[in-house]
């Protein structure tokens, strides 16, 4: 089994978590080491966006 086939991905189109590269790269977020990490992919995106927005605000001040 290829290493990436063991990883988990979040499919943005379906909202489902998948193991391996089961869907198109256009809809796939990851890889994640665990199913749980993939299930929380959107939470991680939100956290990163908030941090980036805060950094932008600091830079603009």
PDB file of N, CA and C in Angstrom:
ATOM      1  N   UNK A   1       0.843  -1.183   0.000  1.00  0.00           N
ATOM      2  CA  UNK A   1       0.000   0.000   0.000  1.00  0.00           C
ATOM      3  C   UNK A   1       0.882   1.238   0.000  1.00  0.00           C
ATOM      4  N   UNK A   2       0.575   2.173  -0.849  1.00  0.00           N
ATOM      5  CA  UNK A   2       1.297   3.440  -0.937  1.00  0.00           C
ATOM      6  C   UNK A   2       1.008   4.267   0.314  1.00  0.00           C
ATOM      7  N   UNK A   3       2.000   5.020   0.760  1.00  0.00           N
ATOM      8  CA  UNK A   3       1.889   5.811   1.988  1.00  0.00           C
ATOM      9  C   UNK A   3       0.657   6.715   1.984  1.00  0.00           C
ATOM     10  N   UNK A   4       0.368   7.393   0.879  1.00  0.00           N
ATOM     11  CA  UNK A   4      -0.782   8.299   0.805  1.00  0.00           C
ATOM     12  C   UNK A   4      -2.103   7.541   0.930  1.00  0.00           C
ATOM     13  N   UNK A   5      -2.130   6.268   0.564  1.00  0.00           N
ATOM     14  CA  UNK A   5      -3.350   5.476   0.666  1.00  0.00           C
ATOM     15  C   UNK A   5      -3.733   5.210   2.115  1.00  0.00           C
ATOM     16  N   UNK A   6      -2.785   5.376   3.030  1.00  0.00           N
ATOM     17  CA  UNK A   6      -3.044   5.168   4.448  1.00  0.00           C
ATOM     18  C   UNK A   6      -3.530   6.446   5.126  1.00  0.00           C
ATOM     19  N   UNK A   7      -3.391   7.576   4.462  1.00  0.00           N
ATOM     20  CA  UNK A   7      -3.766   8.867   5.028  1.00  0.00           C
ATOM     21  C   UNK A   7      -5.263   9.124   4.850  1.00  0.00           C
ATOM     22  N   UNK A   8      -5.742  10.122   5.571  1.00  0.00           N
ATOM     23  CA  UNK A   8      -7.147  10.506   5.531  1.00  0.00           C
ATOM     24  C   UNK A   8      -7.295  11.862   4.862  1.00  0.00           C
ATOM     25  N   UNK A   9      -8.411  12.050   4.174  1.00  0.00           N
ATOM     26  CA  UNK A   9      -8.688  13.282   3.453  1.00  0.00           C
ATOM     27  C   UNK A   9     -10.124  13.716   3.728  1.00  0.00           C
ATOM     28  N   UNK A  10     -10.345  15.033   3.645  1.00  0.00           N
ATOM     29  CA  UNK A  10     -11.692  15.584   3.759  1.00  0.00           C
ATOM     30  C   UNK A  10     -12.133  15.996   2.365  1.00  0.00           C
ATOM     31  N   UNK A  11     -13.293  15.507   1.942  1.00  0.00           N
ATOM     32  CA  UNK A  11     -13.833  15.823   0.626  1.00  0.00           C
ATOM     33  C   UNK A  11     -14.768  17.019   0.779  1.00  0.00           C
ATOM     34  N   UNK A  12     -14.367  18.164   0.227  1.00  0.00           N
ATOM     35  CA  UNK A  12     -15.155  19.389   0.357  1.00  0.00           C
ATOM     36  C   UNK A  12     -16.483  19.315  -0.387  1.00  0.00           C
ATOM     37  N   UNK A  13     -16.546  18.557  -1.444  1.00  0.00           N
ATOM     38  CA  UNK A  13     -17.769  18.461  -2.242  1.00  0.00           C
ATOM     39  C   UNK A  13     -18.852  17.662  -1.520  1.00  0.00           C
ATOM     40  N   UNK A  14     -18.449  16.608  -0.820  1.00  0.00           N
ATOM     41  CA  UNK A  14     -19.427  15.734  -0.169  1.00  0.00           C
ATOM     42  C   UNK A  14     -19.502  15.937   1.337  1.00  0.00           C
ATOM     43  N   UNK A  15     -18.457  16.533   1.922  1.00  0.00           N
ATOM     44  CA  UNK A  15     -18.401  16.677   3.374  1.00  0.00           C
ATOM     45  C   UNK A  15     -18.013  15.388   4.075  1.00  0.00           C
ATOM     46  N   UNK A  16     -17.554  14.419   3.304  1.00  0.00           N
ATOM     47  CA  UNK A  16     -17.192  13.116   3.852  1.00  0.00           C
ATOM     48  C   UNK A  16     -15.688  12.991   4.048  1.00  0.00           C
ATOM     49  N   UNK A  17     -15.308  12.134   4.978  1.00  0.00           N
ATOM     50  CA  UNK A  17     -13.910  11.799   5.204  1.00  0.00           C
ATOM     51  C   UNK A  17     -13.623  10.511   4.448  1.00  0.00           C
ATOM     52  N   UNK A  18     -12.481  10.492   3.756  1.00  0.00           N
ATOM     53  CA  UNK A  18     -12.115   9.337   2.933  1.00  0.00           C
ATOM     54  C   UNK A  18     -10.694   8.912   3.248  1.00  0.00           C
ATOM     55  N   UNK A  19     -10.447   7.628   3.183  1.00  0.00           N
ATOM     56  CA  UNK A  19      -9.082   7.133   3.344  1.00  0.00           C
ATOM     57  C   UNK A  19      -8.499   6.916   1.961  1.00  0.00           C
ATOM     58  N   UNK A  20      -7.304   7.477   1.756  1.00  0.00           N
ATOM     59  CA  UNK A  20      -6.667   7.393   0.454  1.00  0.00           C
ATOM     60  C   UNK A  20      -7.208   8.454  -0.486  1.00  0.00           C
ATOM     61  N   UNK A  21      -6.641   8.508  -1.656  1.00  0.00           N
ATOM     62  CA  UNK A  21      -7.017   9.513  -2.651  1.00  0.00           C
ATOM     63  C   UNK A  21      -8.209   9.022  -3.465  1.00  0.00           C
ATOM     64  N   UNK A  22      -9.356   8.926  -2.798  1.00  0.00           N
ATOM     65  CA  UNK A  22     -10.557   8.389  -3.434  1.00  0.00           C
ATOM     66  C   UNK A  22     -11.258   9.402  -4.323  1.00  0.00           C
ATOM     67  N   UNK A  23     -11.007  10.686  -4.093  1.00  0.00           N
ATOM     68  CA  UNK A  23     -11.688  11.715  -4.874  1.00  0.00           C
ATOM     69  C   UNK A  23     -10.679  12.626  -5.558  1.00  0.00           C
ATOM     70  N   UNK A  24     -11.190  13.486  -6.408  1.00  0.00           N
ATOM     71  CA  UNK A  24     -10.355  14.417  -7.161  1.00  0.00           C
ATOM     72  C   UNK A  24      -9.605  15.371  -6.236  1.00  0.00           C
ATOM     73  N   UNK A  25      -8.406  15.750  -6.640  1.00  0.00           N
ATOM     74  CA  UNK A  25      -7.608  16.685  -5.851  1.00  0.00           C
ATOM     75  C   UNK A  25      -8.320  18.026  -5.699  1.00  0.00           C
ATOM     76  N   UNK A  26      -9.222  18.348  -6.617  1.00  0.00           N
ATOM     77  CA  UNK A  26      -9.945  19.620  -6.566  1.00  0.00           C
ATOM     78  C   UNK A  26     -10.855  19.716  -5.348  1.00  0.00           C
ATOM     79  N   UNK A  27     -11.290  18.586  -4.823  1.00  0.00           N
ATOM     80  CA  UNK A  27     -12.216  18.554  -3.691  1.00  0.00           C
ATOM     81  C   UNK A  27     -11.588  18.021  -2.412  1.00  0.00           C
ATOM     82  N   UNK A  28     -10.334  17.658  -2.469  1.00  0.00           N
ATOM     83  CA  UNK A  28      -9.693  16.930  -1.375  1.00  0.00           C
ATOM     84  C   UNK A  28      -8.844  17.859  -0.514  1.00  0.00           C
ATOM     85  N   UNK A  29      -9.022  17.797   0.802  1.00  0.00           N
ATOM     86  CA  UNK A  29      -8.158  18.501   1.747  1.00  0.00           C
ATOM     87  C   UNK A  29      -7.389  17.445   2.530  1.00  0.00           C
ATOM     88  N   UNK A  30      -6.114  17.685   2.725  1.00  0.00           N
ATOM     89  CA  UNK A  30      -5.303  16.729   3.464  1.00  0.00           C
ATOM     90  C   UNK A  30      -3.980  16.540   2.779  1.00  0.00           C
ATOM     91  N   UNK A  31      -3.230  15.594   3.180  1.00  0.00           N
ATOM     92  CA  UNK A  31      -3.593  14.433   3.985  1.00  0.00           C
ATOM     93  C   UNK A  31      -3.525  14.709   5.485  1.00  0.00           C
ATOM     94  N   UNK A  32      -4.268  13.912   6.212  1.00  0.00           N
ATOM     95  CA  UNK A  32      -4.273  13.922   7.668  1.00  0.00           C
ATOM     96  C   UNK A  32      -3.875  12.534   8.148  1.00  0.00           C
ATOM     97  N   UNK A  33      -3.242  12.484   9.305  1.00  0.00           N
ATOM     98  CA  UNK A  33      -2.769  11.205   9.836  1.00  0.00           C
ATOM     99  C   UNK A  33      -3.894  10.339  10.383  1.00  0.00           C
ATOM    100  N   UNK A  34      -4.958  10.986  10.878  1.00  0.00           N
ATOM    101  CA  UNK A  34      -6.057  10.223  11.472  1.00  0.00           C
ATOM    102  C   UNK A  34      -7.393  10.652  10.885  1.00  0.00           C
ATOM    103  N   UNK A  35      -8.366   9.791  11.030  1.00  0.00           N
ATOM    104  CA  UNK A  35      -9.729  10.108  10.593  1.00  0.00           C
ATOM    105  C   UNK A  35     -10.247  11.324  11.363  1.00  0.00           C
ATOM    106  N   UNK A  36      -9.971  11.365  12.659  1.00  0.00           N
ATOM    107  CA  UNK A  36     -10.442  12.470  13.495  1.00  0.00           C
ATOM    108  C   UNK A  36      -9.890  13.813  13.012  1.00  0.00           C
ATOM    109  N   UNK A  37      -8.613  13.854  12.658  1.00  0.00           N
ATOM    110  CA  UNK A  37      -8.032  15.094  12.130  1.00  0.00           C
ATOM    111  C   UNK A  37      -8.750  15.520  10.850  1.00  0.00           C
ATOM    112  N   UNK A  38      -9.031  14.577   9.979  1.00  0.00           N
ATOM    113  CA  UNK A  38      -9.727  14.889   8.730  1.00  0.00           C
ATOM    114  C   UNK A  38     -11.149  15.378   8.997  1.00  0.00           C
ATOM    115  N   UNK A  39     -11.804  14.801  10.003  1.00  0.00           N
ATOM    116  CA  UNK A  39     -13.158  15.223  10.350  1.00  0.00           C
ATOM    117  C   UNK A  39     -13.195  16.679  10.800  1.00  0.00           C
ATOM    118  N   UNK A  40     -12.090  17.176  11.330  1.00  0.00           N
ATOM    119  CA  UNK A  40     -12.013  18.552  11.829  1.00  0.00           C
ATOM    120  C   UNK A  40     -11.245  19.471  10.880  1.00  0.00           C
ATOM    121  N   UNK A  41     -11.171  19.097   9.630  1.00  0.00           N
ATOM    122  CA  UNK A  41     -10.417  19.884   8.641  1.00  0.00           C
ATOM    123  C   UNK A  41     -10.941  21.311   8.535  1.00  0.00           C
ATOM    124  N   UNK A  42     -12.245  21.480   8.518  1.00  0.00           N
ATOM    125  CA  UNK A  42     -12.809  22.823   8.374  1.00  0.00           C
ATOM    126  C   UNK A  42     -12.556  23.674   9.613  1.00  0.00           C
ATOM    127  N   UNK A  43     -12.491  23.038  10.791  1.00  0.00           N
ATOM    128  CA  UNK A  43     -12.143  23.770  12.013  1.00  0.00           C
ATOM    129  C   UNK A  43     -10.730  24.322  11.906  1.00  0.00           C
ATOM    130  N   UNK A  44      -9.826  23.511  11.378  1.00  0.00           N
ATOM    131  CA  UNK A  44      -8.430  23.931  11.214  1.00  0.00           C
ATOM    132  C   UNK A  44      -8.336  25.087  10.223  1.00  0.00           C
ATOM    133  N   UNK A  45      -9.097  25.015   9.147  1.00  0.00           N
ATOM    134  CA  UNK A  45      -9.113  26.097   8.158  1.00  0.00           C
ATOM    135  C   UNK A  45      -9.598  27.385   8.816  1.00  0.00           C
ATOM    136  N   UNK A  46     -10.657  27.291   9.604  1.00  0.00           N
ATOM    137  CA  UNK A  46     -11.199  28.472  10.283  1.00  0.00           C
ATOM    138  C   UNK A  46     -10.158  29.078  11.219  1.00  0.00           C
ATOM    139  N   UNK A  47      -9.481  28.233  12.001  1.00  0.00           N
ATOM    140  CA  UNK A  47      -8.444  28.713  12.922  1.00  0.00           C
ATOM    141  C   UNK A  47      -7.327  29.429  12.164  1.00  0.00           C
ATOM    142  N   UNK A  48      -6.891  28.840  11.076  1.00  0.00           N
ATOM    143  CA  UNK A  48      -5.801  29.439  10.294  1.00  0.00           C
ATOM    144  C   UNK A  48      -6.235  30.756   9.653  1.00  0.00           C
ATOM    145  N   UNK A  49      -7.463  30.811   9.170  1.00  0.00           N
ATOM    146  CA  UNK A  49      -7.965  32.050   8.576  1.00  0.00           C
ATOM    147  C   UNK A  49      -8.063  33.157   9.616  1.00  0.00           C
ATOM    148  N   UNK A  50      -8.538  32.819  10.809  1.00  0.00           N
ATOM    149  CA  UNK A  50      -8.634  33.814  11.876  1.00  0.00           C
ATOM    150  C   UNK A  50      -7.250  34.323  12.268  1.00  0.00           C
ATOM    151  N   UNK A  51      -6.273  33.429  12.353  1.00  0.00           N
ATOM    152  CA  UNK A  51      -4.906  33.832  12.688  1.00  0.00           C
ATOM    153  C   UNK A  51      -4.324  34.722  11.595  1.00  0.00           C
ATOM    154  N   UNK A  52      -4.579  34.381  10.348  1.00  0.00           N
ATOM    155  CA  UNK A  52      -4.073  35.190   9.235  1.00  0.00           C
ATOM    156  C   UNK A  52      -4.739  36.562   9.221  1.00  0.00           C
ATOM    157  N   UNK A  53      -6.041  36.608   9.491  1.00  0.00           N
ATOM    158  CA  UNK A  53      -6.744  37.892   9.547  1.00  0.00           C
ATOM    159  C   UNK A  53      -6.189  38.765  10.666  1.00  0.00           C
ATOM    160  N   UNK A  54      -5.919  38.171  11.819  1.00  0.00           N
ATOM    161  CA  UNK A  54      -5.356  38.920  12.944  1.00  0.00           C
ATOM    162  C   UNK A  54      -3.973  39.449  12.594  1.00  0.00           C
ATOM    163  N   UNK A  55      -3.166  38.635  11.928  1.00  0.00           N
ATOM    164  CA  UNK A  55      -1.828  39.073  11.520  1.00  0.00           C
ATOM    165  C   UNK A  55      -1.924  40.214  10.513  1.00  0.00           C
ATOM    166  N   UNK A  56      -2.890  40.143   9.607  1.00  0.00           N
ATOM    167  CA  UNK A  56      -3.097  41.226   8.638  1.00  0.00           C
ATOM    168  C   UNK A  56      -3.470  42.522   9.345  1.00  0.00           C
ATOM    169  N   UNK A  57      -4.348  42.423  10.337  1.00  0.00           N
ATOM    170  CA  UNK A  57      -4.765  43.613  11.075  1.00  0.00           C
ATOM    171  C   UNK A  57      -3.589  44.238  11.815  1.00  0.00           C
ATOM    172  N   UNK A  58      -2.742  43.407  12.419  1.00  0.00           N
ATOM    173  CA  UNK A  58      -1.551  43.915  13.113  1.00  0.00           C
ATOM    174  C   UNK A  58      -0.613  44.604  12.135  1.00  0.00           C
ATOM    175  N   UNK A  59      -0.433  44.018  10.972  1.00  0.00           N
ATOM    176  CA  UNK A  59       0.481  44.570   9.976  1.00  0.00           C
ATOM    177  C   UNK A  59      -0.028  45.905   9.456  1.00  0.00           C
ATOM    178  N   UNK A  60      -1.365  46.016   9.303  1.00  0.00           N
ATOM    179  CA  UNK A  60      -1.953  47.240   8.774  1.00  0.00           C
ATOM    180  C   UNK A  60      -1.931  48.385   9.778  1.00  0.00           C
ATOM    181  N   UNK A  61      -1.873  48.075  11.072  1.00  0.00           N
ATOM    182  CA  UNK A  61      -1.871  49.123  12.109  1.00  0.00           C
ATOM    183  C   UNK A  61      -0.570  49.834  12.213  1.00  0.00           C
TER     184      UNK A  61
END
